[in-house]
mmCIF file of all heavy atoms, coordinates in Angstrom:
data_MODEL
# 
_entry.id   MODEL 
# 
loop_
_atom_site.group_PDB 
_atom_site.id 
_atom_site.type_symbol 
_atom_site.label_atom_id 
_atom_site.label_alt_id 
_atom_site.label_comp_id 
_atom_site.label_asym_id 
_atom_site.label_entity_id 
_atom_site.label_seq_id 
_atom_site.pdbx_PDB_ins_code 
_atom_site.Cartn_x 
_atom_site.Cartn_y 
_atom_site.Cartn_z 
_atom_site.occupancy 
_atom_site.B_iso_or_equiv 
_atom_site.pdbx_formal_charge 
_atom_site.auth_seq_id 
_atom_site.auth_comp_id 
_atom_site.auth_asym_id 
_atom_site.auth_atom_id 
_atom_site.pdbx_PDB_model_num 
ATOM 1   N N   . GLY A 1 1  ? 4.585   -11.132 -8.039  1.00 0.00 ? 1  GLY A N   1 
ATOM 2   C CA  . GLY A 1 1  ? 5.363   -9.906  -8.019  1.00 0.00 ? 1  GLY A CA  1 
ATOM 3   C C   . GLY A 1 1  ? 4.499   -8.726  -8.412  1.00 0.00 ? 1  GLY A C   1 
ATOM 4   O O   . GLY A 1 1  ? 3.760   -8.799  -9.389  1.00 0.00 ? 1  GLY A O   1 
ATOM 5   N N   . VAL A 1 2  ? 4.570   -7.650  -7.639  1.00 0.00 ? 2  VAL A N   1 
ATOM 6   C CA  . VAL A 1 2  ? 3.859   -6.412  -7.957  1.00 0.00 ? 2  VAL A CA  1 
ATOM 7   C C   . VAL A 1 2  ? 4.913   -5.382  -8.322  1.00 0.00 ? 2  VAL A C   1 
ATOM 8   O O   . VAL A 1 2  ? 5.808   -5.074  -7.531  1.00 0.00 ? 2  VAL A O   1 
ATOM 9   C CB  . VAL A 1 2  ? 3.004   -5.915  -6.779  1.00 0.00 ? 2  VAL A CB  1 
ATOM 10  C CG1 . VAL A 1 2  ? 2.291   -4.626  -7.151  1.00 0.00 ? 2  VAL A CG1 1 
ATOM 11  C CG2 . VAL A 1 2  ? 1.986   -6.981  -6.372  1.00 0.00 ? 2  VAL A CG2 1 
ATOM 12  N N   . VAL A 1 3  ? 4.831   -4.863  -9.553  1.00 0.00 ? 3  VAL A N   1 
ATOM 13  C CA  . VAL A 1 3  ? 5.864   -3.972  -10.064 1.00 0.00 ? 3  VAL A CA  1 
ATOM 14  C C   . VAL A 1 3  ? 5.232   -2.678  -10.567 1.00 0.00 ? 3  VAL A C   1 
ATOM 15  O O   . VAL A 1 3  ? 4.075   -2.656  -10.991 1.00 0.00 ? 3  VAL A O   1 
ATOM 16  C CB  . VAL A 1 3  ? 6.664   -4.675  -11.193 1.00 0.00 ? 3  VAL A CB  1 
ATOM 17  C CG1 . VAL A 1 3  ? 5.792   -4.924  -12.397 1.00 0.00 ? 3  VAL A CG1 1 
ATOM 18  C CG2 . VAL A 1 3  ? 7.909   -3.897  -11.590 1.00 0.00 ? 3  VAL A CG2 1 
ATOM 19  N N   . GLY A 1 4  ? 5.994   -1.596  -10.522 1.00 0.00 ? 4  GLY A N   1 
ATOM 20  C CA  . GLY A 1 4  ? 5.504   -0.307  -10.997 1.00 0.00 ? 4  GLY A CA  1 
ATOM 21  C C   . GLY A 1 4  ? 6.380   0.804   -10.454 1.00 0.00 ? 4  GLY A C   1 
ATOM 22  O O   . GLY A 1 4  ? 7.223   0.591   -9.576  1.00 0.00 ? 4  GLY A O   1 
ATOM 23  N N   . GLU A 1 5  ? 6.179   2.009   -10.993 1.00 0.00 ? 5  GLU A N   1 
ATOM 24  C CA  . GLU A 1 5  ? 6.956   3.159   -10.534 1.00 0.00 ? 5  GLU A CA  1 
ATOM 25  C C   . GLU A 1 5  ? 6.555   3.557   -9.118  1.00 0.00 ? 5  GLU A C   1 
ATOM 26  O O   . GLU A 1 5  ? 5.518   3.151   -8.597  1.00 0.00 ? 5  GLU A O   1 
ATOM 27  C CB  . GLU A 1 5  ? 6.706   4.357   -11.464 1.00 0.00 ? 5  GLU A CB  1 
ATOM 28  C CG  . GLU A 1 5  ? 7.229   4.199   -12.874 1.00 0.00 ? 5  GLU A CG  1 
ATOM 29  C CD  . GLU A 1 5  ? 6.722   5.324   -13.763 1.00 0.00 ? 5  GLU A CD  1 
ATOM 30  O OE1 . GLU A 1 5  ? 5.617   5.193   -14.317 1.00 0.00 ? 5  GLU A OE1 1 
ATOM 31  O OE2 . GLU A 1 5  ? 7.452   6.325   -13.909 1.00 0.00 ? 5  GLU A OE2 1 
ATOM 32  N N   . SER A 1 6  ? 7.394   4.385   -8.497  1.00 0.00 ? 6  SER A N   1 
ATOM 33  C CA  . SER A 1 6  ? 7.041   4.973   -7.206  1.00 0.00 ? 6  SER A CA  1 
ATOM 34  C C   . SER A 1 6  ? 5.749   5.773   -7.360  1.00 0.00 ? 6  SER A C   1 
ATOM 35  O O   . SER A 1 6  ? 5.584   6.504   -8.335  1.00 0.00 ? 6  SER A O   1 
ATOM 36  C CB  . SER A 1 6  ? 8.159   5.894   -6.715  1.00 0.00 ? 6  SER A CB  1 
ATOM 37  O OG  . SER A 1 6  ? 9.342   5.160   -6.490  1.00 0.00 ? 6  SER A OG  1 
ATOM 38  N N   . GLY A 1 7  ? 4.857   5.625   -6.405  1.00 0.00 ? 7  GLY A N   1 
ATOM 39  C CA  . GLY A 1 7  ? 3.580   6.331   -6.461  1.00 0.00 ? 7  GLY A CA  1 
ATOM 40  C C   . GLY A 1 7  ? 2.478   5.559   -7.129  1.00 0.00 ? 7  GLY A C   1 
ATOM 41  O O   . GLY A 1 7  ? 1.356   6.061   -7.260  1.00 0.00 ? 7  GLY A O   1 
ATOM 42  N N   . SER A 1 8  ? 2.748   4.309   -7.521  1.00 0.00 ? 8  SER A N   1 
ATOM 43  C CA  . SER A 1 8  ? 1.714   3.525   -8.209  1.00 0.00 ? 8  SER A CA  1 
ATOM 44  C C   . SER A 1 8  ? 0.791   2.783   -7.245  1.00 0.00 ? 8  SER A C   1 
ATOM 45  O O   . SER A 1 8  ? -0.241  2.261   -7.661  1.00 0.00 ? 8  SER A O   1 
ATOM 46  C CB  . SER A 1 8  ? 2.357   2.527   -9.180  1.00 0.00 ? 8  SER A CB  1 
ATOM 47  O OG  . SER A 1 8  ? 3.236   1.656   -8.501  1.00 0.00 ? 8  SER A OG  1 
ATOM 48  N N   . GLY A 1 9  ? 1.156   2.707   -5.963  1.00 0.00 ? 9  GLY A N   1 
ATOM 49  C CA  . GLY A 1 9  ? 0.281   2.071   -4.971  1.00 0.00 ? 9  GLY A CA  1 
ATOM 50  C C   . GLY A 1 9  ? 0.769   0.727   -4.473  1.00 0.00 ? 9  GLY A C   1 
ATOM 51  O O   . GLY A 1 9  ? 0.043   0.037   -3.751  1.00 0.00 ? 9  GLY A O   1 
ATOM 52  N N   . LYS A 1 10 ? 2.001   0.344   -4.789  1.00 0.00 ? 10 LYS A N   1 
ATOM 53  C CA  . LYS A 1 10 ? 2.510   -0.977  -4.424  1.00 0.00 ? 10 LYS A CA  1 
ATOM 54  C C   . LYS A 1 10 ? 2.607   -1.159  -2.905  1.00 0.00 ? 10 LYS A C   1 
ATOM 55  O O   . LYS A 1 10 ? 2.076   -2.137  -2.353  1.00 0.00 ? 10 LYS A O   1 
ATOM 56  C CB  . LYS A 1 10 ? 3.885   -1.222  -5.050  1.00 0.00 ? 10 LYS A CB  1 
ATOM 57  C CG  . LYS A 1 10 ? 3.962   -1.027  -6.547  1.00 0.00 ? 10 LYS A CG  1 
ATOM 58  C CD  . LYS A 1 10 ? 5.312   -1.382  -7.102  1.00 0.00 ? 10 LYS A CD  1 
ATOM 59  C CE  . LYS A 1 10 ? 6.468   -0.645  -6.482  1.00 0.00 ? 10 LYS A CE  1 
ATOM 60  N NZ  . LYS A 1 10 ? 6.430   0.826   -6.704  1.00 0.00 ? 10 LYS A NZ  1 
ATOM 61  N N   . SER A 1 11 ? 3.288   -0.256  -2.231  1.00 0.00 ? 11 SER A N   1 
ATOM 62  C CA  . SER A 1 11 ? 3.490   -0.405  -0.790  1.00 0.00 ? 11 SER A CA  1 
ATOM 63  C C   . SER A 1 11 ? 2.184   -0.266  -0.018  1.00 0.00 ? 11 SER A C   1 
ATOM 64  O O   . SER A 1 11 ? 1.979   -0.953  0.992   1.00 0.00 ? 11 SER A O   1 
ATOM 65  C CB  . SER A 1 11 ? 4.510   0.623   -0.285  1.00 0.00 ? 11 SER A CB  1 
ATOM 66  O OG  . SER A 1 11 ? 5.791   0.349   -0.817  1.00 0.00 ? 11 SER A OG  1 
ATOM 67  N N   . VAL A 1 12 ? 1.297   0.598   -0.471  1.00 0.00 ? 12 VAL A N   1 
ATOM 68  C CA  . VAL A 1 12 ? 0.001   0.739   0.196   1.00 0.00 ? 12 VAL A CA  1 
ATOM 69  C C   . VAL A 1 12 ? -0.809  -0.549  0.064   1.00 0.00 ? 12 VAL A C   1 
ATOM 70  O O   . VAL A 1 12 ? -1.535  -0.940  0.978   1.00 0.00 ? 12 VAL A O   1 
ATOM 71  C CB  . VAL A 1 12 ? -0.794  1.945   -0.370  1.00 0.00 ? 12 VAL A CB  1 
ATOM 72  C CG1 . VAL A 1 12 ? -2.180  2.023   0.237   1.00 0.00 ? 12 VAL A CG1 1 
ATOM 73  C CG2 . VAL A 1 12 ? -0.038  3.245   -0.107  1.00 0.00 ? 12 VAL A CG2 1 
ATOM 74  N N   . THR A 1 13 ? -0.646  -1.251  -1.054  1.00 0.00 ? 13 THR A N   1 
ATOM 75  C CA  . THR A 1 13 ? -1.304  -2.548  -1.223  1.00 0.00 ? 13 THR A CA  1 
ATOM 76  C C   . THR A 1 13 ? -0.810  -3.526  -0.160  1.00 0.00 ? 13 THR A C   1 
ATOM 77  O O   . THR A 1 13 ? -1.606  -4.227  0.479   1.00 0.00 ? 13 THR A O   1 
ATOM 78  C CB  . THR A 1 13 ? -1.016  -3.116  -2.626  1.00 0.00 ? 13 THR A CB  1 
ATOM 79  O OG1 . THR A 1 13 ? -1.574  -2.242  -3.609  1.00 0.00 ? 13 THR A OG1 1 
ATOM 80  C CG2 . THR A 1 13 ? -1.618  -4.500  -2.797  1.00 0.00 ? 13 THR A CG2 1 
ATOM 81  N N   . ALA A 1 14 ? 0.512   -3.575  0.049   1.00 0.00 ? 14 ALA A N   1 
ATOM 82  C CA  . ALA A 1 14 ? 1.080   -4.472  1.061   1.00 0.00 ? 14 ALA A CA  1 
ATOM 83  C C   . ALA A 1 14 ? 0.589   -4.114  2.456   1.00 0.00 ? 14 ALA A C   1 
ATOM 84  O O   . ALA A 1 14 ? 0.195   -4.992  3.243   1.00 0.00 ? 14 ALA A O   1 
ATOM 85  C CB  . ALA A 1 14 ? 2.602   -4.419  1.001   1.00 0.00 ? 14 ALA A CB  1 
ATOM 86  N N   . LEU A 1 15 ? 0.607   -2.830  2.788   1.00 0.00 ? 15 LEU A N   1 
ATOM 87  C CA  . LEU A 1 15 ? 0.153   -2.396  4.106   1.00 0.00 ? 15 LEU A CA  1 
ATOM 88  C C   . LEU A 1 15 ? -1.329  -2.677  4.310   1.00 0.00 ? 15 LEU A C   1 
ATOM 89  O O   . LEU A 1 15 ? -1.774  -2.970  5.425   1.00 0.00 ? 15 LEU A O   1 
ATOM 90  C CB  . LEU A 1 15 ? 0.441   -0.907  4.293   1.00 0.00 ? 15 LEU A CB  1 
ATOM 91  C CG  . LEU A 1 15 ? 1.918   -0.522  4.357   1.00 0.00 ? 15 LEU A CG  1 
ATOM 92  C CD1 . LEU A 1 15 ? 2.076   0.995   4.383   1.00 0.00 ? 15 LEU A CD1 1 
ATOM 93  C CD2 . LEU A 1 15 ? 2.595   -1.139  5.578   1.00 0.00 ? 15 LEU A CD2 1 
ATOM 94  N N   . SER A 1 16 ? -2.103  -2.617  3.223   1.00 0.00 ? 16 SER A N   1 
ATOM 95  C CA  . SER A 1 16 ? -3.536  -2.907  3.313   1.00 0.00 ? 16 SER A CA  1 
ATOM 96  C C   . SER A 1 16 ? -3.767  -4.377  3.645   1.00 0.00 ? 16 SER A C   1 
ATOM 97  O O   . SER A 1 16 ? -4.629  -4.710  4.468   1.00 0.00 ? 16 SER A O   1 
ATOM 98  C CB  . SER A 1 16 ? -4.233  -2.551  1.998   1.00 0.00 ? 16 SER A CB  1 
ATOM 99  O OG  . SER A 1 16 ? -4.102  -1.179  1.706   1.00 0.00 ? 16 SER A OG  1 
ATOM 100 N N   . VAL A 1 17 ? -3.005  -5.265  3.006   1.00 0.00 ? 17 VAL A N   1 
ATOM 101 C CA  . VAL A 1 17 ? -3.136  -6.700  3.291   1.00 0.00 ? 17 VAL A CA  1 
ATOM 102 C C   . VAL A 1 17 ? -2.798  -6.978  4.757   1.00 0.00 ? 17 VAL A C   1 
ATOM 103 O O   . VAL A 1 17 ? -3.464  -7.789  5.418   1.00 0.00 ? 17 VAL A O   1 
ATOM 104 C CB  . VAL A 1 17 ? -2.224  -7.522  2.361   1.00 0.00 ? 17 VAL A CB  1 
ATOM 105 C CG1 . VAL A 1 17 ? -2.202  -8.988  2.777   1.00 0.00 ? 17 VAL A CG1 1 
ATOM 106 C CG2 . VAL A 1 17 ? -2.700  -7.407  0.915   1.00 0.00 ? 17 VAL A CG2 1 
ATOM 107 N N   . MET A 1 18 ? -1.812  -6.283  5.288   1.00 0.00 ? 18 MET A N   1 
ATOM 108 C CA  . MET A 1 18 ? -1.419  -6.448  6.687   1.00 0.00 ? 18 MET A CA  1 
ATOM 109 C C   . MET A 1 18 ? -2.324  -5.683  7.654   1.00 0.00 ? 18 MET A C   1 
ATOM 110 O O   . MET A 1 18 ? -2.148  -5.789  8.865   1.00 0.00 ? 18 MET A O   1 
ATOM 111 C CB  . MET A 1 18 ? 0.023   -5.968  6.876   1.00 0.00 ? 18 MET A CB  1 
ATOM 112 C CG  . MET A 1 18 ? 1.069   -6.818  6.182   1.00 0.00 ? 18 MET A CG  1 
ATOM 113 S SD  . MET A 1 18 ? 1.303   -8.416  6.961   1.00 0.00 ? 18 MET A SD  1 
ATOM 114 C CE  . MET A 1 18 ? 2.218   -7.981  8.433   1.00 0.00 ? 18 MET A CE  1 
ATOM 115 N N   . ARG A 1 19 ? -3.253  -4.906  7.116   1.00 0.00 ? 19 ARG A N   1 
ATOM 116 C CA  . ARG A 1 19 ? -4.120  -4.039  7.925   1.00 0.00 ? 19 ARG A CA  1 
ATOM 117 C C   . ARG A 1 19 ? -3.278  -3.078  8.770   1.00 0.00 ? 19 ARG A C   1 
ATOM 118 O O   . ARG A 1 19 ? -3.520  -2.885  9.968   1.00 0.00 ? 19 ARG A O   1 
ATOM 119 C CB  . ARG A 1 19 ? -5.030  -4.881  8.818   1.00 0.00 ? 19 ARG A CB  1 
ATOM 120 C CG  . ARG A 1 19 ? -6.166  -5.614  8.118   1.00 0.00 ? 19 ARG A CG  1 
ATOM 121 C CD  . ARG A 1 19 ? -7.416  -4.754  7.979   1.00 0.00 ? 19 ARG A CD  1 
ATOM 122 N NE  . ARG A 1 19 ? -7.780  -4.165  9.250   1.00 0.00 ? 19 ARG A NE  1 
ATOM 123 C CZ  . ARG A 1 19 ? -8.508  -4.800  10.199  1.00 0.00 ? 19 ARG A CZ  1 
ATOM 124 N NH1 . ARG A 1 19 ? -8.963  -6.017  9.958   1.00 0.00 ? 19 ARG A NH1 1 
ATOM 125 N NH2 . ARG A 1 19 ? -8.792  -4.202  11.336  1.00 0.00 ? 19 ARG A NH2 1 
ATOM 126 N N   . LEU A 1 20 ? -2.293  -2.466  8.133   1.00 0.00 ? 20 LEU A N   1 
ATOM 127 C CA  . LEU A 1 20 ? -1.412  -1.522  8.810   1.00 0.00 ? 20 LEU A CA  1 
ATOM 128 C C   . LEU A 1 20 ? -1.573  -0.106  8.268   1.00 0.00 ? 20 LEU A C   1 
ATOM 129 O O   . LEU A 1 20 ? -0.671  0.721   8.415   1.00 0.00 ? 20 LEU A O   1 
ATOM 130 C CB  . LEU A 1 20 ? 0.052   -1.969  8.670   1.00 0.00 ? 20 LEU A CB  1 
ATOM 131 C CG  . LEU A 1 20 ? 0.456   -3.195  9.470   1.00 0.00 ? 20 LEU A CG  1 
ATOM 132 C CD1 . LEU A 1 20 ? 1.886   -3.620  9.135   1.00 0.00 ? 20 LEU A CD1 1 
ATOM 133 C CD2 . LEU A 1 20 ? 0.311   -2.962  10.970  1.00 0.00 ? 20 LEU A CD2 1 
ATOM 134 N N   . VAL A 1 21 ? -2.681  0.166   7.620   1.00 0.00 ? 21 VAL A N   1 
ATOM 135 C CA  . VAL A 1 21 ? -2.937  1.510   7.103   1.00 0.00 ? 21 VAL A CA  1 
ATOM 136 C C   . VAL A 1 21 ? -3.437  2.385   8.255   1.00 0.00 ? 21 VAL A C   1 
ATOM 137 O O   . VAL A 1 21 ? -4.476  2.113   8.857   1.00 0.00 ? 21 VAL A O   1 
ATOM 138 C CB  . VAL A 1 21 ? -3.984  1.475   5.969   1.00 0.00 ? 21 VAL A CB  1 
ATOM 139 C CG1 . VAL A 1 21 ? -4.303  2.884   5.496   1.00 0.00 ? 21 VAL A CG1 1 
ATOM 140 C CG2 . VAL A 1 21 ? -3.477  0.627   4.816   1.00 0.00 ? 21 VAL A CG2 1 
ATOM 141 N N   . ASP A 1 22 ? -2.663  3.423   8.566   1.00 0.00 ? 22 ASP A N   1 
ATOM 142 C CA  . ASP A 1 22 ? -3.005  4.299   9.683   1.00 0.00 ? 22 ASP A CA  1 
ATOM 143 C C   . ASP A 1 22 ? -3.908  5.434   9.216   1.00 0.00 ? 22 ASP A C   1 
ATOM 144 O O   . ASP A 1 22 ? -3.936  5.789   8.040   1.00 0.00 ? 22 ASP A O   1 
ATOM 145 C CB  . ASP A 1 22 ? -1.735  4.898   10.303  1.00 0.00 ? 22 ASP A CB  1 
ATOM 146 C CG  . ASP A 1 22 ? -0.873  3.827   10.976  1.00 0.00 ? 22 ASP A CG  1 
ATOM 147 O OD1 . ASP A 1 22 ? -1.458  2.864   11.510  1.00 0.00 ? 22 ASP A OD1 1 
ATOM 148 O OD2 . ASP A 1 22 ? 0.361   3.975   10.957  1.00 0.00 ? 22 ASP A OD2 1 
ATOM 149 N N   . ARG A 1 23 ? -4.629  6.018   10.148  1.00 0.00 ? 23 ARG A N   1 
ATOM 150 C CA  . ARG A 1 23 ? -5.403  7.217   9.846   1.00 0.00 ? 23 ARG A CA  1 
ATOM 151 C C   . ARG A 1 23 ? -4.457  8.319   9.388   1.00 0.00 ? 23 ARG A C   1 
ATOM 152 O O   . ARG A 1 23 ? -3.346  8.409   9.907   1.00 0.00 ? 23 ARG A O   1 
ATOM 153 C CB  . ARG A 1 23 ? -6.190  7.673   11.085  1.00 0.00 ? 23 ARG A CB  1 
ATOM 154 C CG  . ARG A 1 23 ? -7.288  6.682   11.481  1.00 0.00 ? 23 ARG A CG  1 
ATOM 155 C CD  . ARG A 1 23 ? -8.070  7.223   12.665  1.00 0.00 ? 23 ARG A CD  1 
ATOM 156 N NE  . ARG A 1 23 ? -9.122  6.314   13.059  1.00 0.00 ? 23 ARG A NE  1 
ATOM 157 C CZ  . ARG A 1 23 ? -10.335 6.250   12.486  1.00 0.00 ? 23 ARG A CZ  1 
ATOM 158 N NH1 . ARG A 1 23 ? -10.624 7.070   11.506  1.00 0.00 ? 23 ARG A NH1 1 
ATOM 159 N NH2 . ARG A 1 23 ? -11.240 5.392   12.908  1.00 0.00 ? 23 ARG A NH2 1 
ATOM 160 N N   . PRO A 1 24 ? -4.849  9.131   8.416   1.00 0.00 ? 24 PRO A N   1 
ATOM 161 C CA  . PRO A 1 24 ? -6.194  9.285   7.858   1.00 0.00 ? 24 PRO A CA  1 
ATOM 162 C C   . PRO A 1 24 ? -6.530  8.309   6.729   1.00 0.00 ? 24 PRO A C   1 
ATOM 163 O O   . PRO A 1 24 ? -7.460  8.545   5.969   1.00 0.00 ? 24 PRO A O   1 
ATOM 164 C CB  . PRO A 1 24 ? -6.171  10.718  7.332   1.00 0.00 ? 24 PRO A CB  1 
ATOM 165 C CG  . PRO A 1 24 ? -4.748  10.896  6.872   1.00 0.00 ? 24 PRO A CG  1 
ATOM 166 C CD  . PRO A 1 24 ? -3.913  10.121  7.852   1.00 0.00 ? 24 PRO A CD  1 
ATOM 167 N N   . GLY A 1 25 ? -5.774  7.212   6.617   1.00 0.00 ? 25 GLY A N   1 
ATOM 168 C CA  . GLY A 1 25 ? -6.075  6.236   5.581   1.00 0.00 ? 25 GLY A CA  1 
ATOM 169 C C   . GLY A 1 25 ? -7.144  5.252   6.031   1.00 0.00 ? 25 GLY A C   1 
ATOM 170 O O   . GLY A 1 25 ? -7.319  5.006   7.227   1.00 0.00 ? 25 GLY A O   1 
ATOM 171 N N   . ARG A 1 26 ? -7.850  4.679   5.065   1.00 0.00 ? 26 ARG A N   1 
ATOM 172 C CA  . ARG A 1 26 ? -8.856  3.666   5.395   1.00 0.00 ? 26 ARG A CA  1 
ATOM 173 C C   . ARG A 1 26 ? -9.056  2.748   4.201   1.00 0.00 ? 26 ARG A C   1 
ATOM 174 O O   . ARG A 1 26 ? -8.937  3.154   3.045   1.00 0.00 ? 26 ARG A O   1 
ATOM 175 C CB  . ARG A 1 26 ? -10.194 4.305   5.791   1.00 0.00 ? 26 ARG A CB  1 
ATOM 176 C CG  . ARG A 1 26 ? -10.833 5.147   4.705   1.00 0.00 ? 26 ARG A CG  1 
ATOM 177 C CD  . ARG A 1 26 ? -11.987 5.981   5.246   1.00 0.00 ? 26 ARG A CD  1 
ATOM 178 N NE  . ARG A 1 26 ? -12.524 6.878   4.238   1.00 0.00 ? 26 ARG A NE  1 
ATOM 179 C CZ  . ARG A 1 26 ? -13.620 6.627   3.519   1.00 0.00 ? 26 ARG A CZ  1 
ATOM 180 N NH1 . ARG A 1 26 ? -14.290 5.508   3.715   1.00 0.00 ? 26 ARG A NH1 1 
ATOM 181 N NH2 . ARG A 1 26 ? -14.052 7.487   2.632   1.00 0.00 ? 26 ARG A NH2 1 
# 
């Protein structure tokens, strides 16, 4: 379980594992 307030990076971590980070992200 990954827990934390909004803005802590939880969802971006999930999208990174799925390789779904769109530009301008990398």
